Protein backbone atom coordinates (compact mmCIF):
# COMPACT_ATOMS: atom_id res chain seq x y z
CA MET A 1 0.00 0.00 0.00
CA ILE A 2 1.45 3.34 -1.06
CA PRO A 3 1.07 5.87 1.76
CA GLU A 4 -0.82 9.05 0.92
CA ARG A 5 1.12 12.27 1.12
CA SER A 6 -0.22 15.80 1.38
CA LEU A 7 1.09 18.55 -0.90
CA THR A 8 2.20 21.99 0.18
CA HIS A 9 1.11 25.08 -1.72
CA ILE A 10 4.17 27.16 -2.58
CA GLY A 11 2.48 30.05 -4.36
CA ILE A 12 -0.62 31.53 -5.91
CA VAL A 13 -1.30 32.69 -9.47
CA HIS A 14 -2.48 36.22 -10.20
CA SER A 15 -3.85 35.74 -13.71
CA ILE A 16 -5.68 37.86 -16.28
CA PHE A 17 -8.32 35.10 -16.40
CA LYS A 18 -10.93 35.71 -13.69
CA LYS A 19 -13.38 32.95 -14.72
CA LYS A 20 -12.91 29.44 -16.14
CA PHE A 21 -14.84 30.08 -19.34
CA GLY A 22 -12.58 31.51 -22.04
CA ILE A 23 -9.26 30.30 -20.66
CA PRO A 24 -7.11 28.84 -23.48
CA ARG A 25 -7.29 25.06 -23.53
CA GLN A 26 -3.49 24.71 -23.56
CA PRO A 27 -0.52 26.87 -22.50
CA GLY A 28 1.25 28.92 -25.15
CA ILE A 29 -1.78 29.18 -27.46
CA VAL A 30 -2.35 32.82 -26.43
CA SER A 31 1.15 34.21 -26.06
CA GLU A 32 -0.11 37.58 -24.73
CA ALA A 33 -1.87 35.94 -21.77
CA GLY A 34 0.11 36.99 -18.71
CA ALA A 35 0.18 36.21 -15.00
CA ARG A 36 2.34 36.44 -11.92
CA ILE A 37 3.14 33.64 -9.52
CA GLU A 38 3.48 34.99 -6.00
CA LEU A 39 5.52 32.71 -3.76
CA ILE A 40 4.00 32.43 -0.28
CA PRO A 41 5.80 32.00 3.06
CA PRO A 42 8.16 30.36 3.73
CA PHE A 43 8.99 30.16 0.00
CA ASN A 44 9.01 33.95 -0.58
CA ASN A 45 12.78 34.02 -0.35
CA GLU A 46 15.29 34.74 -3.09
CA GLN A 47 17.10 31.50 -2.27
CA PHE A 48 14.24 29.40 -3.66
CA VAL A 49 14.57 30.89 -7.18
CA ARG A 50 18.33 31.38 -7.33
CA GLY A 51 19.49 30.44 -10.85
CA LEU A 52 15.97 30.25 -12.28
CA GLU A 53 16.42 33.58 -14.09
CA GLY A 54 18.62 31.84 -16.65
CA PHE A 55 15.72 29.77 -18.01
CA SER A 56 13.35 31.13 -20.65
CA HIS A 57 10.50 28.77 -19.68
CA ILE A 58 9.30 26.91 -16.62
CA TRP A 59 6.94 24.09 -15.74
CA VAL A 60 4.17 25.10 -13.34
CA LEU A 61 2.33 22.38 -11.41
CA PHE A 62 -0.91 23.58 -9.89
CA VAL A 63 -4.26 22.54 -8.45
CA PHE A 64 -7.49 22.83 -10.44
CA HIS A 65 -9.07 24.43 -7.39
CA ALA A 66 -12.21 25.70 -9.15
CA SER A 67 -13.25 22.21 -10.28
CA ALA A 68 -11.62 20.00 -7.64
CA ASP A 69 -14.93 19.32 -5.89
CA GLU A 70 -16.92 18.54 -9.05
CA GLY A 71 -15.84 14.92 -9.26
CA TRP A 72 -14.31 12.97 -12.12
CA HIS A 73 -15.00 10.12 -14.54
CA SER A 74 -12.86 7.41 -16.10
CA THR A 75 -13.59 8.82 -19.57
CA VAL A 76 -13.98 12.36 -20.88
CA ARG A 77 -14.95 14.06 -24.16
CA PRO A 78 -11.99 16.22 -25.27
CA PRO A 79 -12.72 19.37 -27.30
CA ARG A 80 -10.30 18.32 -30.04
CA LEU A 81 -12.64 15.41 -30.84
CA GLY A 82 -15.66 17.69 -31.08
CA GLY A 83 -16.90 16.92 -27.59
CA LYS A 84 -18.60 13.73 -28.84
CA LYS A 85 -16.03 10.92 -28.67
CA ARG A 86 -14.83 9.64 -25.31
CA VAL A 87 -11.25 8.81 -24.33
CA GLY A 88 -9.75 7.74 -21.02
CA VAL A 89 -9.16 10.54 -18.54
CA PHE A 90 -5.44 9.73 -18.61
CA ALA A 91 -5.49 10.27 -22.39
CA SER A 92 -6.71 13.82 -21.84
CA ARG A 93 -5.81 17.06 -20.11
CA SER A 94 -9.23 17.43 -18.53
CA PRO A 95 -9.24 19.23 -15.16
CA PHE A 96 -11.66 16.59 -13.84
CA ARG A 97 -9.12 14.02 -12.67
CA PRO A 98 -8.60 11.65 -9.73
CA ASN A 99 -6.00 14.13 -8.51
CA PRO A 100 -6.89 17.63 -9.82
CA ILE A 101 -3.35 18.58 -10.79
CA GLY A 102 -2.47 20.70 -13.83
CA LEU A 103 0.84 21.10 -15.64
CA SER A 104 1.75 24.04 -17.89
CA ALA A 105 4.94 25.05 -19.68
CA VAL A 106 5.03 28.85 -19.73
CA GLU A 107 7.46 31.62 -20.63
CA LEU A 108 9.33 33.17 -17.73
CA GLU A 109 9.68 36.89 -18.40
CA GLU A 110 11.33 37.98 -15.18
CA ILE A 111 11.58 37.47 -11.44
CA SER A 112 10.92 40.45 -9.20
CA PHE A 113 11.34 41.09 -5.49
CA GLU A 114 8.92 43.57 -3.96
CA LYS A 115 8.78 44.37 -0.23
CA GLY A 116 9.54 40.85 0.92
CA LYS A 117 7.51 39.22 -1.85
CA VAL A 118 8.80 37.13 -4.74
CA PHE A 119 6.98 37.21 -8.10
CA LEU A 120 7.55 35.13 -11.22
CA HIS A 121 6.17 36.98 -14.26
CA ILE A 122 4.96 34.48 -16.86
CA ARG A 123 3.29 34.52 -20.29
CA GLY A 124 1.32 32.11 -22.42
CA VAL A 125 -0.74 30.98 -19.45
CA ASP A 126 -3.87 28.85 -19.31
CA ILE A 127 -4.36 29.23 -15.57
CA LEU A 128 -7.23 30.74 -13.58
CA ASP A 129 -6.69 33.63 -11.19
CA GLY A 130 -6.20 32.45 -7.61
CA THR A 131 -4.85 29.03 -8.59
CA PRO A 132 -2.63 27.37 -5.94
CA VAL A 133 0.83 26.36 -7.20
CA ILE A 134 2.41 23.19 -5.83
CA ASP A 135 5.73 23.17 -7.71
CA ILE A 136 7.90 25.01 -10.23
CA LYS A 137 10.57 23.36 -12.35
CA PRO A 138 12.86 24.75 -15.07
CA TYR A 139 12.03 23.76 -18.65
CA LEU A 140 14.99 21.91 -20.20
CA SER A 141 14.87 22.24 -23.97
CA TYR A 142 17.28 19.36 -24.62
CA SER A 143 15.08 16.83 -22.82
CA ASP A 144 11.58 18.33 -22.53
CA SER A 145 11.22 18.95 -26.28
CA ILE A 146 11.17 15.54 -27.94
CA ALA A 147 11.75 15.50 -31.69
CA GLY A 148 9.38 13.23 -33.56
CA ALA A 149 6.91 12.83 -30.70
CA SER A 150 3.36 12.02 -31.80
CA GLY A 151 0.32 13.86 -30.49
CA GLY A 152 -2.43 11.28 -30.90
CA TYR A 153 -5.78 12.92 -31.66
CA ALA A 154 -4.22 16.38 -31.02
CA ALA A 155 -1.31 16.12 -33.43
CA SER A 156 -1.14 19.83 -34.30
CA ALA A 157 -1.99 23.17 -32.76
CA PRO A 158 -5.63 24.23 -33.13
CA GLU A 159 -6.34 26.61 -35.99
CA ARG A 160 -8.06 29.94 -35.59
CA ARG A 161 -11.70 29.31 -36.35
CA PHE A 162 -13.28 32.77 -36.50
CA GLU A 163 -12.59 36.31 -37.54
CA VAL A 164 -13.17 38.66 -34.59
CA VAL A 165 -14.97 41.96 -35.20
CA PHE A 166 -15.99 44.69 -32.79
CA SER A 167 -19.11 46.79 -32.45
CA ASP A 168 -18.70 50.57 -32.50
CA GLU A 169 -19.33 50.64 -28.76
CA ALA A 170 -16.69 48.01 -28.07
CA ASP A 171 -14.24 49.76 -30.40
CA LEU A 172 -14.62 53.04 -28.52
CA ARG A 173 -14.09 51.33 -25.17
CA LEU A 174 -10.95 49.55 -26.37
CA LEU A 175 -9.56 52.82 -27.73
CA LYS A 176 -10.13 54.42 -24.34
CA GLU A 177 -8.46 51.51 -22.54
CA LYS A 178 -5.49 51.68 -24.92
CA GLU A 179 -5.01 55.29 -23.85
CA ASN A 180 -5.22 54.08 -20.23
CA GLY A 181 -2.33 51.66 -20.76
CA HIS A 182 -4.11 48.48 -21.88
CA ASP A 183 -2.50 48.67 -25.30
CA ARG A 184 -2.62 44.90 -25.96
CA LEU A 185 -6.18 44.26 -24.79
CA ARG A 186 -7.61 44.11 -28.32
CA GLU A 187 -5.00 41.60 -29.51
CA LEU A 188 -5.61 39.50 -26.41
CA ILE A 189 -9.35 39.38 -27.08
CA VAL A 190 -8.78 38.44 -30.72
CA ASP A 191 -6.35 35.64 -29.82
CA ILE A 192 -8.80 34.11 -27.34
CA LEU A 193 -12.07 34.45 -29.24
CA SER A 194 -10.74 33.50 -32.68
CA GLN A 195 -10.21 29.96 -31.37
CA ASP A 196 -13.85 29.68 -30.23
CA PRO A 197 -13.86 29.07 -26.46
CA ARG A 198 -17.41 27.68 -26.51
CA PRO A 199 -17.88 24.04 -25.46
CA ALA A 200 -17.06 21.69 -28.32
CA TYR A 201 -20.61 20.32 -28.49
CA TYR A 202 -22.00 23.72 -29.50
CA SER A 203 -23.40 23.69 -33.03
CA SER A 204 -25.09 25.94 -35.53
CA LYS A 205 -28.28 25.97 -33.44
CA HIS A 206 -26.38 27.88 -30.74
CA ARG A 207 -25.29 30.67 -33.09
CA ARG A 208 -26.18 34.18 -31.95
CA ALA A 209 -26.30 33.01 -28.34
CA ASN A 210 -24.64 35.57 -26.07
CA PHE A 211 -21.48 34.78 -24.11
CA SER A 212 -18.99 36.62 -21.95
CA ILE A 213 -15.43 36.08 -20.79
CA SER A 214 -13.55 37.91 -18.05
CA ILE A 215 -10.07 39.28 -18.74
CA LEU A 216 -8.17 41.52 -16.34
CA ASP A 217 -10.84 43.89 -14.97
CA PHE A 218 -13.12 43.63 -17.99
CA GLU A 219 -16.15 41.63 -19.04
CA ILE A 220 -16.08 40.90 -22.78
CA ASN A 221 -19.55 40.23 -24.24
CA TRP A 222 -19.76 38.46 -27.60
CA ARG A 223 -21.65 36.14 -29.89
CA VAL A 224 -21.03 34.16 -33.06
CA GLU A 225 -22.54 35.63 -36.21
CA ASP A 226 -22.09 33.59 -39.41
CA GLU A 227 -18.33 32.93 -39.60
CA ALA A 228 -17.23 35.65 -37.21
CA VAL A 229 -17.24 36.49 -33.53
CA MET A 230 -18.87 39.83 -32.80
CA VAL A 231 -17.65 41.56 -29.64
CA THR A 232 -20.70 43.58 -28.65
CA GLU A 233 -19.56 45.24 -25.46
CA VAL A 234 -16.60 45.69 -23.11
CA THR A 235 -17.59 46.55 -19.54
CA ASP A 236 -16.01 46.69 -16.10
CA LEU A 237 -16.15 43.60 -13.91
């Protein structure tokens, strides 16, 4: 019998993604998606990250805290198979797992030290705000990138599915926010919505249904019209 062992949280993620819906399904798909990992005591010490600044990317192991209590099944329906075909949970990256642990390879932009706090600034994230981190490891390109590896039913990166257009009202709001310093907000919205974050089982009968995603301090309201995503409104959270 293998003894059970508890895991210690070493940090927390401060992410641009405030709700689960709309988060990219894999890391690196939306390169503009940023976050900070704040190391918590007793790990908020420069000694714990000494030498990490030399790596361009890191592995982040975390807990799917927002879905950990929702249970799990032995099979799941991955989005890449249209949400219709089932595969084993261990043949997927579903957050609904026996142990709700996630793993993401992300870009490490910098490490900062602010008033006794340690922050790892990362990009290309697919992680919800408030997520507990249980480990950080450096990404080793010579061993972690395997030439010739096969990707099963997800052999290539997903293609952009939709053009993203903006209503006049949304355009005006984004122009205002660009002047306020959110100069990449439009590109971020386009990168996320062009890949269609709706559940994979959605079909033509769901077109023109209204949706929203939360990014930074904004609520982005949108719907699918023909072969495009229409962003109708950008409001404060």
